[in-house]
Amino acid sequence: MKLFNSIVLSLGLTGFLSLAEVSTAAEEASAIEQTSPNGNYQIQWVENQDSRFIVSSKNPAERAPLPGSTGEVDPAECQVGFFYSPDEKWIFYAEHWRHHGLLARELYHHETGVKFAPSKGKGFFTRELQSYAARNGFEKSDFIDEREKNYDHLGTAFRAWSLDSNRLLIGIYAEGSEYGPLYVYFNTRTKALEQTPYLRELNKAVAKQTDNYAHDIVCAEPTAPLPPESELKARLDALNEKLNRAFAARVERTKEQDDANDLRQVQDKWVKMRDEGLKTYLAFARKGEEERRRLQFLSDVTAARIDEISQSSIAALTR
């Protein structure tokens, strides 16, 4: 399980944070940590506050706390991830604390202005996940310590948002287990966890593998009709160009030649794994939709790869 634990900490680097634009105002030290996909919102850390804030990009004076999030910014103590849906109406949030290996997560929904609130109330999402895990082969002791019942150890690794924002794909795992994740969707329209034939096939494969299994290249299946083929192709072409530029820039920034060679090898491996993942995905495409599904899958995983290459450490990329 060592590899999967490291993936959980590095995989979601689309959402893991680096401080930037620190304010030096005497009355308040703050930093913008992340901007949403369409640029409408920003995640802000504010000194001596217990939570992060959501800030309007157009009007920085307009902000609201993100309830239940932490104000801790020391990555040695707590690693935090924010993962916006493409339509910016949802945020999946995850915490991983060093102390006691505590884990936490929340799913927020946009209400009004810059205000986001836990979907169906605080703790609903966690209760749903714990209940689902207990019904699908996990022991309660896998994620709740008998002696420390308030300590949550249920791992929830972000994997993807669907193109239409209707599905959040996560991997559930027991902290410390040698086995890979159980993949599941949260459907933002029905507010329920769900499986599909595609996920069941992935879960069958993962169940047979342990700590040295090859990390899956997966994407979330949209429920809404896909855009026209021409639009999907244009999106993929643009993302491929962006990926090539991001990879070349990362290699150029790499100081050690051995690291640069490792990056090239890892990228070649990613391409092979992507192609294997595509085969699994297309096996469940509806007749007549195969080409659009192919373009959608390749675009989604390429976009995720760009974020990984741009933001992950060399160690995380070449692990």
C-alpha atoms as a PDB file:
ATOM      1  CA  MET A   1       0.000   0.000   0.000  1.00  0.00           C
ATOM      2  CA  LYS A   2       3.039   2.296   0.160  1.00  0.00           C
ATOM      3  CA  LEU A   3       2.666   3.278  -3.469  1.00  0.00           C
ATOM      4  CA  PHE A   4      -1.029   4.031  -3.154  1.00  0.00           C
ATOM      5  CA  ASN A   5      -0.500   6.130  -0.028  1.00  0.00           C
ATOM      6  CA  SER A   6       2.099   8.177  -1.885  1.00  0.00           C
ATOM      7  CA  ILE A   7      -0.272   8.536  -4.811  1.00  0.00           C
ATOM      8  CA  VAL A   8      -2.985   9.862  -2.528  1.00  0.00           C
ATOM      9  CA  LEU A   9      -0.621  12.537  -1.274  1.00  0.00           C
ATOM     10  CA  SER A  10       0.686  13.506  -4.689  1.00  0.00           C
ATOM     11  CA  LEU A  11      -2.065  12.518  -7.156  1.00  0.00           C
ATOM     12  CA  GLY A  12      -4.406  15.311  -6.451  1.00  0.00           C
ATOM     13  CA  LEU A  13      -1.832  17.918  -7.166  1.00  0.00           C
ATOM     14  CA  THR A  14      -4.441  19.652  -9.266  1.00  0.00           C
ATOM     15  CA  GLY A  15      -5.714  20.665  -5.864  1.00  0.00           C
ATOM     16  CA  PHE A  16      -2.732  20.671  -3.511  1.00  0.00           C
ATOM     17  CA  LEU A  17      -1.403  24.042  -2.629  1.00  0.00           C
ATOM     18  CA  SER A  18       1.513  26.405  -2.922  1.00  0.00           C
ATOM     19  CA  LEU A  19       1.395  29.817  -1.325  1.00  0.00           C
ATOM     20  CA  ALA A  20       1.610  32.818  -3.641  1.00  0.00           C
ATOM     21  CA  GLU A  21       0.874  36.520  -3.690  1.00  0.00           C
ATOM     22  CA  VAL A  22       1.345  37.023   0.042  1.00  0.00           C
ATOM     23  CA  SER A  23      -0.136  40.263   1.304  1.00  0.00           C
ATOM     24  CA  THR A  24       2.162  42.363   3.453  1.00  0.00           C
ATOM     25  CA  ALA A  25      -0.619  44.562   4.773  1.00  0.00           C
ATOM     26  CA  ALA A  26      -0.012  45.341   8.433  1.00  0.00           C
ATOM     27  CA  GLU A  27      -3.542  44.449   9.428  1.00  0.00           C
ATOM     28  CA  GLU A  28      -3.621  41.013   7.791  1.00  0.00           C
ATOM     29  CA  ALA A  29      -1.182  38.549   6.273  1.00  0.00           C
ATOM     30  CA  SER A  30      -2.855  36.447   3.588  1.00  0.00           C
ATOM     31  CA  ALA A  31      -2.128  34.445   0.456  1.00  0.00           C
ATOM     32  CA  ILE A  32      -4.016  33.327  -2.625  1.00  0.00           C
ATOM     33  CA  GLU A  33      -3.402  29.602  -2.912  1.00  0.00           C
ATOM     34  CA  GLN A  34      -5.520  28.458  -5.840  1.00  0.00           C
ATOM     35  CA  THR A  35      -7.818  29.790  -8.560  1.00  0.00           C
ATOM     36  CA  SER A  36     -10.903  27.975  -9.852  1.00  0.00           C
ATOM     37  CA  PRO A  37     -10.976  26.558 -13.422  1.00  0.00           C
ATOM     38  CA  ASN A  38     -12.870  29.491 -14.932  1.00  0.00           C
ATOM     39  CA  GLY A  39     -11.135  32.063 -12.777  1.00  0.00           C
ATOM     40  CA  ASN A  40     -14.172  33.214 -10.785  1.00  0.00           C
ATOM     41  CA  TYR A  41     -13.037  32.160  -7.310  1.00  0.00           C
ATOM     42  CA  GLN A  42      -9.827  31.902  -5.326  1.00  0.00           C
ATOM     43  CA  ILE A  43      -8.842  29.975  -2.214  1.00  0.00           C
ATOM     44  CA  GLN A  44      -7.302  32.308   0.345  1.00  0.00           C
ATOM     45  CA  TRP A  45      -5.306  31.599   3.474  1.00  0.00           C
ATOM     46  CA  VAL A  46      -5.490  34.286   6.158  1.00  0.00           C
ATOM     47  CA  GLU A  47      -3.124  34.418   9.104  1.00  0.00           C
ATOM     48  CA  ASN A  48      -4.589  33.465  12.517  1.00  0.00           C
ATOM     49  CA  GLN A  49      -7.864  32.238  10.988  1.00  0.00           C
ATOM     50  CA  ASP A  50      -9.265  28.760  11.615  1.00  0.00           C
ATOM     51  CA  SER A  51     -10.422  28.168   8.053  1.00  0.00           C
ATOM     52  CA  ARG A  52      -9.646  28.978   4.437  1.00  0.00           C
ATOM     53  CA  PHE A  53     -11.715  31.573   2.588  1.00  0.00           C
ATOM     54  CA  ILE A  54     -13.384  31.701  -0.819  1.00  0.00           C
ATOM     55  CA  VAL A  55     -12.671  35.038  -2.497  1.00  0.00           C
ATOM     56  CA  SER A  56     -14.169  36.647  -5.575  1.00  0.00           C
ATOM     57  CA  SER A  57     -11.487  37.087  -8.246  1.00  0.00           C
ATOM     58  CA  LYS A  58     -13.221  40.200  -9.536  1.00  0.00           C
ATOM     59  CA  ASN A  59     -13.769  41.735  -6.096  1.00  0.00           C
ATOM     60  CA  PRO A  60     -11.173  40.520  -3.548  1.00  0.00           C
ATOM     61  CA  ALA A  61     -13.051  42.315  -0.769  1.00  0.00           C
ATOM     62  CA  GLU A  62     -15.881  39.813  -1.246  1.00  0.00           C
ATOM     63  CA  ARG A  63     -15.000  36.670   0.660  1.00  0.00           C
ATOM     64  CA  ALA A  64     -16.548  34.001   2.887  1.00  0.00           C
ATOM     65  CA  PRO A  65     -15.052  31.274   5.100  1.00  0.00           C
ATOM     66  CA  LEU A  66     -15.163  27.713   3.821  1.00  0.00           C
ATOM     67  CA  PRO A  67     -16.827  26.025   6.821  1.00  0.00           C
ATOM     68  CA  GLY A  68     -14.975  23.050   8.237  1.00  0.00           C
ATOM     69  CA  SER A  69     -11.747  23.682   6.331  1.00  0.00           C
ATOM     70  CA  THR A  70      -8.508  24.170   8.232  1.00  0.00           C
ATOM     71  CA  GLY A  71      -6.361  27.268   8.494  1.00  0.00           C
ATOM     72  CA  GLU A  72      -3.206  25.158   8.885  1.00  0.00           C
ATOM     73  CA  VAL A  73      -0.648  25.876   6.137  1.00  0.00           C
ATOM     74  CA  ASP A  74       2.356  23.837   7.275  1.00  0.00           C
ATOM     75  CA  PRO A  75       2.514  20.883   4.827  1.00  0.00           C
ATOM     76  CA  ALA A  76       4.533  18.918   7.381  1.00  0.00           C
ATOM     77  CA  GLU A  77       1.468  18.996   9.635  1.00  0.00           C
ATOM     78  CA  CYS A  78      -1.428  18.839   7.194  1.00  0.00           C
ATOM     79  CA  GLN A  79      -1.763  18.393   3.444  1.00  0.00           C
ATOM     80  CA  VAL A  80      -4.874  19.999   2.004  1.00  0.00           C
ATOM     81  CA  GLY A  81      -6.557  19.668  -1.381  1.00  0.00           C
ATOM     82  CA  PHE A  82      -9.315  21.665  -3.082  1.00  0.00           C
ATOM     83  CA  PHE A  83     -10.827  20.227  -6.266  1.00  0.00           C
ATOM     84  CA  TYR A  84     -13.328  22.382  -8.164  1.00  0.00           C
ATOM     85  CA  SER A  85     -15.883  20.905 -10.530  1.00  0.00           C
ATOM     86  CA  PRO A  86     -15.645  22.215 -14.109  1.00  0.00           C
ATOM     87  CA  ASP A  87     -18.787  24.346 -13.640  1.00  0.00           C
ATOM     88  CA  GLU A  88     -17.349  25.718 -10.354  1.00  0.00           C
ATOM     89  CA  LYS A  89     -20.517  24.815  -8.427  1.00  0.00           C
ATOM     90  CA  TRP A  90     -18.827  22.116  -6.331  1.00  0.00           C
ATOM     91  CA  ILE A  91     -15.597  21.765  -4.334  1.00  0.00           C
ATOM     92  CA  PHE A  92     -14.259  18.457  -3.060  1.00  0.00           C
ATOM     93  CA  TYR A  93     -12.016  19.146  -0.065  1.00  0.00           C
ATOM     94  CA  ALA A  94      -9.568  16.755   1.613  1.00  0.00           C
ATOM     95  CA  GLU A  95      -7.242  16.917   4.635  1.00  0.00           C
ATOM     96  CA  HIS A  96      -4.434  14.539   5.623  1.00  0.00           C
ATOM     97  CA  TRP A  97      -2.959  15.218   9.061  1.00  0.00           C
ATOM     98  CA  ARG A  98       0.393  13.889  10.221  1.00  0.00           C
ATOM     99  CA  HIS A  99      -0.790  13.573  13.817  1.00  0.00           C
ATOM    100  CA  HIS A 100      -2.534  10.195  14.293  1.00  0.00           C
ATOM    101  CA  GLY A 101      -2.878   9.913  10.493  1.00  0.00           C
ATOM    102  CA  LEU A 102      -6.213  11.714  10.652  1.00  0.00           C
ATOM    103  CA  LEU A 103      -8.105  12.117   7.410  1.00  0.00           C
ATOM    104  CA  ALA A 104     -11.060  14.344   6.602  1.00  0.00           C
ATOM    105  CA  ARG A 105     -13.070  15.357   3.584  1.00  0.00           C
ATOM    106  CA  GLU A 106     -16.096  17.439   2.627  1.00  0.00           C
ATOM    107  CA  LEU A 107     -18.105  18.169  -0.485  1.00  0.00           C
ATOM    108  CA  TYR A 108     -19.230  21.778  -0.820  1.00  0.00           C
ATOM    109  CA  HIS A 109     -21.936  23.203  -3.054  1.00  0.00           C
ATOM    110  CA  HIS A 110     -22.196  26.797  -4.207  1.00  0.00           C
ATOM    111  CA  GLU A 111     -25.019  28.752  -2.579  1.00  0.00           C
ATOM    112  CA  THR A 112     -24.724  32.433  -3.492  1.00  0.00           C
ATOM    113  CA  GLY A 113     -21.963  34.938  -4.172  1.00  0.00           C
ATOM    114  CA  VAL A 114     -18.771  33.452  -2.735  1.00  0.00           C
ATOM    115  CA  LYS A 115     -20.575  31.269  -0.218  1.00  0.00           C
ATOM    116  CA  PHE A 116     -20.091  27.494  -0.416  1.00  0.00           C
ATOM    117  CA  ALA A 117     -21.652  25.121   2.139  1.00  0.00           C
ATOM    118  CA  PRO A 118     -21.421  21.358   2.822  1.00  0.00           C
ATOM    119  CA  SER A 119     -23.795  19.474   0.547  1.00  0.00           C
ATOM    120  CA  LYS A 120     -26.876  18.374   2.540  1.00  0.00           C
ATOM    121  CA  GLY A 121     -25.282  19.604   5.758  1.00  0.00           C
ATOM    122  CA  LYS A 122     -22.006  19.161   7.620  1.00  0.00           C
ATOM    123  CA  GLY A 123     -20.831  15.563   7.753  1.00  0.00           C
ATOM    124  CA  PHE A 124     -23.379  14.167   5.276  1.00  0.00           C
ATOM    125  CA  PHE A 125     -20.745  13.300   2.702  1.00  0.00           C
ATOM    126  CA  THR A 126     -18.494  11.530   5.235  1.00  0.00           C
ATOM    127  CA  ARG A 127     -21.402   9.546   6.695  1.00  0.00           C
ATOM    128  CA  GLU A 128     -22.415   8.425   3.213  1.00  0.00           C
ATOM    129  CA  LEU A 129     -18.879   7.287   2.427  1.00  0.00           C
ATOM    130  CA  GLN A 130     -18.461   5.415   5.711  1.00  0.00           C
ATOM    131  CA  SER A 131     -21.810   3.687   5.259  1.00  0.00           C
ATOM    132  CA  TYR A 132     -20.949   2.778   1.670  1.00  0.00           C
ATOM    133  CA  ALA A 133     -17.540   1.413   2.709  1.00  0.00           C
ATOM    134  CA  ALA A 134     -19.136  -0.742   5.436  1.00  0.00           C
ATOM    135  CA  ARG A 135     -21.584  -2.185   2.890  1.00  0.00           C
ATOM    136  CA  ASN A 136     -18.830  -2.953   0.391  1.00  0.00           C
ATOM    137  CA  GLY A 137     -16.283  -5.090   2.176  1.00  0.00           C
ATOM    138  CA  PHE A 138     -14.653  -2.675   4.616  1.00  0.00           C
ATOM    139  CA  GLU A 139     -14.601  -3.304   8.340  1.00  0.00           C
ATOM    140  CA  LYS A 140     -15.551  -0.408  10.581  1.00  0.00           C
ATOM    141  CA  SER A 141     -12.123  -0.805  12.210  1.00  0.00           C
ATOM    142  CA  ASP A 142     -10.584  -0.009   8.806  1.00  0.00           C
ATOM    143  CA  PHE A 143     -11.469   3.635   9.274  1.00  0.00           C
ATOM    144  CA  ILE A 144     -12.509   4.174  12.920  1.00  0.00           C
ATOM    145  CA  ASP A 145     -10.157   3.281  15.771  1.00  0.00           C
ATOM    146  CA  GLU A 146     -11.858   1.403  18.597  1.00  0.00           C
ATOM    147  CA  ARG A 147      -9.989   3.444  21.207  1.00  0.00           C
ATOM    148  CA  GLU A 148     -10.278   6.779  19.418  1.00  0.00           C
ATOM    149  CA  LYS A 149     -13.747   6.788  17.879  1.00  0.00           C
ATOM    150  CA  ASN A 150     -13.547  10.415  16.786  1.00  0.00           C
ATOM    151  CA  TYR A 151     -10.449   9.748  14.682  1.00  0.00           C
ATOM    152  CA  ASP A 152     -11.277   9.222  11.017  1.00  0.00           C
ATOM    153  CA  HIS A 153      -8.906   7.070   8.956  1.00  0.00           C
ATOM    154  CA  LEU A 154     -11.018   6.500   5.843  1.00  0.00           C
ATOM    155  CA  GLY A 155      -8.944   7.370   2.817  1.00  0.00           C
ATOM    156  CA  THR A 156     -10.713   9.219  -0.002  1.00  0.00           C
ATOM    157  CA  ALA A 157      -8.454   9.975  -2.940  1.00  0.00           C
ATOM    158  CA  PHE A 158      -9.712  12.465  -5.515  1.00  0.00           C
ATOM    159  CA  ARG A 159      -9.520  11.047  -9.027  1.00  0.00           C
ATOM    160  CA  ALA A 160     -11.629  13.207 -11.343  1.00  0.00           C
ATOM    161  CA  TRP A 161     -14.673  15.343 -12.018  1.00  0.00           C
ATOM    162  CA  SER A 162     -16.797  14.455 -15.025  1.00  0.00           C
ATOM    163  CA  LEU A 163     -16.865  16.928 -17.881  1.00  0.00           C
ATOM    164  CA  ASP A 164     -20.473  17.879 -17.048  1.00  0.00           C
ATOM    165  CA  SER A 165     -19.770  18.182 -13.270  1.00  0.00           C
ATOM    166  CA  ASN A 166     -22.451  15.543 -12.572  1.00  0.00           C
ATOM    167  CA  ARG A 167     -20.039  12.984 -11.120  1.00  0.00           C
ATOM    168  CA  LEU A 168     -17.143  13.097  -8.683  1.00  0.00           C
ATOM    169  CA  LEU A 169     -14.859  10.059  -8.926  1.00  0.00           C
ATOM    170  CA  ILE A 170     -13.012   9.087  -5.766  1.00  0.00           C
ATOM    171  CA  GLY A 171     -11.088   6.065  -4.540  1.00  0.00           C
ATOM    172  CA  ILE A 172     -11.922   4.789  -1.043  1.00  0.00           C
ATOM    173  CA  TYR A 173      -9.226   2.920   0.850  1.00  0.00           C
ATOM    174  CA  ALA A 174      -8.431   1.828   4.381  1.00  0.00           C
ATOM    175  CA  GLU A 175      -5.500   3.737   5.850  1.00  0.00           C
ATOM    176  CA  GLY A 176      -2.541   1.358   6.126  1.00  0.00           C
ATOM    177  CA  SER A 177      -4.049  -1.309   3.863  1.00  0.00           C
ATOM    178  CA  GLU A 178      -1.858  -2.857   1.190  1.00  0.00           C
ATOM    179  CA  TYR A 179      -4.731  -2.928  -1.287  1.00  0.00           C
ATOM    180  CA  GLY A 180      -5.749  -0.339  -3.836  1.00  0.00           C
ATOM    181  CA  PRO A 181      -8.876   1.801  -3.799  1.00  0.00           C
ATOM    182  CA  LEU A 182     -12.541   1.022  -4.282  1.00  0.00           C
ATOM    183  CA  TYR A 183     -13.704   3.414  -6.985  1.00  0.00           C
ATOM    184  CA  VAL A 184     -17.091   5.076  -6.597  1.00  0.00           C
ATOM    185  CA  TYR A 185     -18.949   8.084  -8.014  1.00  0.00           C
ATOM    186  CA  PHE A 186     -20.835  10.699  -6.075  1.00  0.00           C
ATOM    187  CA  ASN A 187     -23.642  11.858  -8.351  1.00  0.00           C
ATOM    188  CA  THR A 188     -24.196  15.575  -7.746  1.00  0.00           C
ATOM    189  CA  ARG A 189     -27.680  15.428  -9.268  1.00  0.00           C
ATOM    190  CA  THR A 190     -29.032  12.528  -7.195  1.00  0.00           C
ATOM    191  CA  LYS A 191     -26.771  13.287  -4.160  1.00  0.00           C
ATOM    192  CA  ALA A 192     -25.932   9.584  -3.941  1.00  0.00           C
ATOM    193  CA  LEU A 193     -22.961   7.269  -4.370  1.00  0.00           C
ATOM    194  CA  GLU A 194     -23.144   4.970  -7.362  1.00  0.00           C
ATOM    195  CA  GLN A 195     -21.376   2.338  -9.419  1.00  0.00           C
ATOM    196  CA  THR A 196     -21.385   1.804 -13.188  1.00  0.00           C
ATOM    197  CA  PRO A 197     -20.227  -1.160 -15.297  1.00  0.00           C
ATOM    198  CA  TYR A 198     -17.007   0.780 -16.012  1.00  0.00           C
ATOM    199  CA  LEU A 199     -16.244   1.274 -12.314  1.00  0.00           C
ATOM    200  CA  ARG A 200     -17.101  -2.342 -11.506  1.00  0.00           C
ATOM    201  CA  GLU A 201     -14.557  -3.454 -14.095  1.00  0.00           C
ATOM    202  CA  LEU A 202     -11.921  -1.167 -12.602  1.00  0.00           C
ATOM    203  CA  ASN A 203     -12.680  -2.404  -9.096  1.00  0.00           C
ATOM    204  CA  LYS A 204     -12.379  -6.045 -10.157  1.00  0.00           C
ATOM    205  CA  ALA A 205      -8.907  -5.346 -11.541  1.00  0.00           C
ATOM    206  CA  VAL A 206      -7.744  -3.319  -8.536  1.00  0.00           C
ATOM    207  CA  ALA A 207      -8.992  -5.949  -6.057  1.00  0.00           C
ATOM    208  CA  LYS A 208      -6.430  -8.398  -7.453  1.00  0.00           C
ATOM    209  CA  GLN A 209      -3.487  -6.050  -6.997  1.00  0.00           C
ATOM    210  CA  THR A 210      -1.487  -4.929  -3.985  1.00  0.00           C
ATOM    211  CA  ASP A 211       1.085  -2.277  -3.131  1.00  0.00           C
ATOM    212  CA  ASN A 212       3.121  -2.534  -6.316  1.00  0.00           C
ATOM    213  CA  TYR A 213       0.229  -2.339  -8.757  1.00  0.00           C
ATOM    214  CA  ALA A 214       0.447   0.049 -11.707  1.00  0.00           C
ATOM    215  CA  HIS A 215      -1.528   3.181 -11.011  1.00  0.00           C
ATOM    216  CA  ASP A 216      -4.701   3.354 -13.085  1.00  0.00           C
ATOM    217  CA  ILE A 217      -5.419   6.088 -15.601  1.00  0.00           C
ATOM    218  CA  VAL A 218      -9.124   6.726 -15.091  1.00  0.00           C
ATOM    219  CA  CYS A 219     -11.723   9.384 -15.811  1.00  0.00           C
ATOM    220  CA  ALA A 220     -15.279  10.126 -14.700  1.00  0.00           C
ATOM    221  CA  GLU A 221     -18.131   9.268 -17.076  1.00  0.00           C
ATOM    222  CA  PRO A 222     -20.427  12.217 -17.856  1.00  0.00           C
ATOM    223  CA  THR A 223     -24.184  11.678 -17.615  1.00  0.00           C
ATOM    224  CA  ALA A 224     -25.138  14.562 -19.921  1.00  0.00           C
ATOM    225  CA  PRO A 225     -24.803  14.225 -23.729  1.00  0.00           C
ATOM    226  CA  LEU A 226     -21.257  14.818 -24.925  1.00  0.00           C
ATOM    227  CA  PRO A 227     -20.380  17.901 -27.010  1.00  0.00           C
ATOM    228  CA  PRO A 228     -20.005  17.516 -30.794  1.00  0.00           C
ATOM    229  CA  GLU A 229     -16.995  15.575 -32.039  1.00  0.00           C
ATOM    230  CA  SER A 230     -15.422  18.696 -33.558  1.00  0.00           C
ATOM    231  CA  GLU A 231     -15.530  20.494 -30.211  1.00  0.00           C
ATOM    232  CA  LEU A 232     -14.031  17.519 -28.364  1.00  0.00           C
ATOM    233  CA  LYS A 233     -11.269  17.172 -30.965  1.00  0.00           C
ATOM    234  CA  ALA A 234     -10.370  20.853 -30.718  1.00  0.00           C
ATOM    235  CA  ARG A 235     -10.192  20.518 -26.922  1.00  0.00           C
ATOM    236  CA  LEU A 236      -7.893  17.488 -27.151  1.00  0.00           C
ATOM    237  CA  ASP A 237      -5.599  19.140 -29.724  1.00  0.00           C
ATOM    238  CA  ALA A 238      -5.220  22.194 -27.477  1.00  0.00           C
ATOM    239  CA  LEU A 239      -4.541  20.041 -24.408  1.00  0.00           C
ATOM    240  CA  ASN A 240      -1.941  17.932 -26.240  1.00  0.00           C
ATOM    241  CA  GLU A 241      -0.073  21.095 -27.200  1.00  0.00           C
ATOM    242  CA  LYS A 242      -0.277  22.340 -23.627  1.00  0.00           C
ATOM    243  CA  LEU A 243       0.962  18.985 -22.297  1.00  0.00           C
ATOM    244  CA  ASN A 244       3.965  19.045 -24.635  1.00  0.00           C
ATOM    245  CA  ARG A 245       4.846  22.567 -23.513  1.00  0.00           C
ATOM    246  CA  ALA A 246       4.401  21.705 -19.830  1.00  0.00           C
ATOM    247  CA  PHE A 247       6.548  18.589 -20.113  1.00  0.00           C
ATOM    248  CA  ALA A 248       9.318  20.377 -22.028  1.00  0.00           C
ATOM    249  CA  ALA A 249       9.318  23.184 -19.461  1.00  0.00           C
ATOM    250  CA  ARG A 250       9.507  20.702 -16.585  1.00  0.00           C
ATOM    251  CA  VAL A 251      12.444  18.860 -18.155  1.00  0.00           C
ATOM    252  CA  GLU A 252      14.194  22.182 -18.750  1.00  0.00           C
ATOM    253  CA  ARG A 253      13.749  23.124 -15.068  1.00  0.00           C
ATOM    254  CA  THR A 254      15.194  19.800 -13.943  1.00  0.00           C
ATOM    255  CA  LYS A 255      18.761  20.271 -12.733  1.00  0.00           C
ATOM    256  CA  GLU A 256      19.898  16.637 -12.698  1.00  0.00           C
ATOM    257  CA  GLN A 257      20.248  14.801 -16.008  1.00  0.00           C
ATOM    258  CA  ASP A 258      19.228  11.527 -14.326  1.00  0.00           C
ATOM    259  CA  ASP A 259      15.984  13.153 -13.166  1.00  0.00           C
ATOM    260  CA  ALA A 260      15.305  14.416 -16.682  1.00  0.00           C
ATOM    261  CA  ASN A 261      15.831  10.897 -18.074  1.00  0.00           C
ATOM    262  CA  ASP A 262      13.531   9.483 -15.372  1.00  0.00           C
ATOM    263  CA  LEU A 263      10.846  12.004 -16.301  1.00  0.00           C
ATOM    264  CA  ARG A 264      10.991  10.921 -19.951  1.00  0.00           C
ATOM    265  CA  GLN A 265      10.705   7.257 -18.973  1.00  0.00           C
ATOM    266  CA  VAL A 266       7.786   7.957 -16.655  1.00  0.00           C
ATOM    267  CA  GLN A 267       5.995   9.938 -19.350  1.00  0.00           C
ATOM    268  CA  ASP A 268       6.436   7.072 -21.823  1.00  0.00           C
ATOM    269  CA  LYS A 269       4.963   4.743 -19.201  1.00  0.00           C
ATOM    270  CA  TRP A 270       2.049   7.129 -18.626  1.00  0.00           C
ATOM    271  CA  VAL A 271       1.228   7.076 -22.352  1.00  0.00           C
ATOM    272  CA  LYS A 272       1.091   3.259 -22.312  1.00  0.00           C
ATOM    273  CA  MET A 273      -1.064   3.226 -19.191  1.00  0.00           C
ATOM    274  CA  ARG A 274      -3.332   5.892 -20.698  1.00  0.00           C
ATOM    275  CA  ASP A 275      -3.873   3.707 -23.759  1.00  0.00           C
ATOM    276  CA  GLU A 276      -4.700   0.703 -21.542  1.00  0.00           C
ATOM    277  CA  GLY A 277      -7.130   2.828 -19.546  1.00  0.00           C
ATOM    278  CA  LEU A 278      -8.772   3.968 -22.782  1.00  0.00           C
ATOM    279  CA  LYS A 279      -9.420   0.363 -23.826  1.00  0.00           C
ATOM    280  CA  THR A 280     -11.261  -0.308 -20.571  1.00  0.00           C
ATOM    281  CA  TYR A 281     -13.264   2.899 -20.878  1.00  0.00           C
ATOM    282  CA  LEU A 282     -14.324   2.315 -24.485  1.00  0.00           C
ATOM    283  CA  ALA A 283     -15.500  -1.208 -23.692  1.00  0.00           C
ATOM    284  CA  PHE A 284     -18.521   0.423 -22.047  1.00  0.00           C
ATOM    285  CA  ALA A 285     -19.216   3.140 -24.623  1.00  0.00           C
ATOM    286  CA  ARG A 286     -22.631   3.165 -26.254  1.00  0.00           C
ATOM    287  CA  LYS A 287     -22.737   2.188 -29.915  1.00  0.00           C
ATOM    288  CA  GLY A 288     -22.121   5.207 -32.123  1.00  0.00           C
ATOM    289  CA  GLU A 289     -20.500   7.162 -29.276  1.00  0.00           C
ATOM    290  CA  GLU A 290     -17.111   5.488 -29.348  1.00  0.00           C
ATOM    291  CA  GLU A 291     -15.191   8.309 -31.021  1.00  0.00           C
ATOM    292  CA  ARG A 292     -16.629  11.037 -28.833  1.00  0.00           C
ATOM    293  CA  ARG A 293     -15.960   8.917 -25.737  1.00  0.00           C
ATOM    294  CA  ARG A 294     -12.399   8.377 -26.912  1.00  0.00           C
ATOM    295  CA  LEU A 295     -11.825  12.103 -27.328  1.00  0.00           C
ATOM    296  CA  GLN A 296     -13.475  12.870 -23.971  1.00  0.00           C
ATOM    297  CA  PHE A 297     -11.360  10.301 -22.098  1.00  0.00           C
ATOM    298  CA  LEU A 298      -8.109  11.449 -23.677  1.00  0.00           C
ATOM    299  CA  SER A 299      -8.913  15.106 -23.014  1.00  0.00           C
ATOM    300  CA  ASP A 300      -9.829  14.526 -19.368  1.00  0.00           C
ATOM    301  CA  VAL A 301      -6.762  12.473 -18.490  1.00  0.00           C
ATOM    302  CA  THR A 302      -4.472  14.820 -20.453  1.00  0.00           C
ATOM    303  CA  ALA A 303      -5.785  17.817 -18.505  1.00  0.00           C
ATOM    304  CA  ALA A 304      -5.102  15.968 -15.250  1.00  0.00           C
ATOM    305  CA  ARG A 305      -1.606  15.035 -16.435  1.00  0.00           C
ATOM    306  CA  ILE A 306      -0.782  18.671 -17.219  1.00  0.00           C
ATOM    307  CA  ASP A 307      -1.559  19.601 -13.620  1.00  0.00           C
ATOM    308  CA  GLU A 308       0.545  16.726 -12.279  1.00  0.00           C
ATOM    309  CA  ILE A 309       3.558  17.643 -14.411  1.00  0.00           C
ATOM    310  CA  SER A 310       3.280  21.327 -13.594  1.00  0.00           C
ATOM    311  CA  GLN A 311       2.782  20.993  -9.845  1.00  0.00           C
ATOM    312  CA  SER A 312       4.150  17.651  -8.610  1.00  0.00           C
ATOM    313  CA  SER A 313       7.612  17.235  -7.181  1.00  0.00           C
ATOM    314  CA  ILE A 314      10.182  15.245  -9.156  1.00  0.00           C
ATOM    315  CA  ALA A 315      10.030  12.543  -6.482  1.00  0.00           C
ATOM    316  CA  ALA A 316       6.244  12.253  -6.824  1.00  0.00           C
ATOM    317  CA  LEU A 317       6.372  12.132 -10.624  1.00  0.00           C
ATOM    318  CA  THR A 318       9.108   9.499 -10.821  1.00  0.00           C
ATOM    319  CA  ARG A 319       8.030   7.361  -7.856  1.00  0.00           C
END
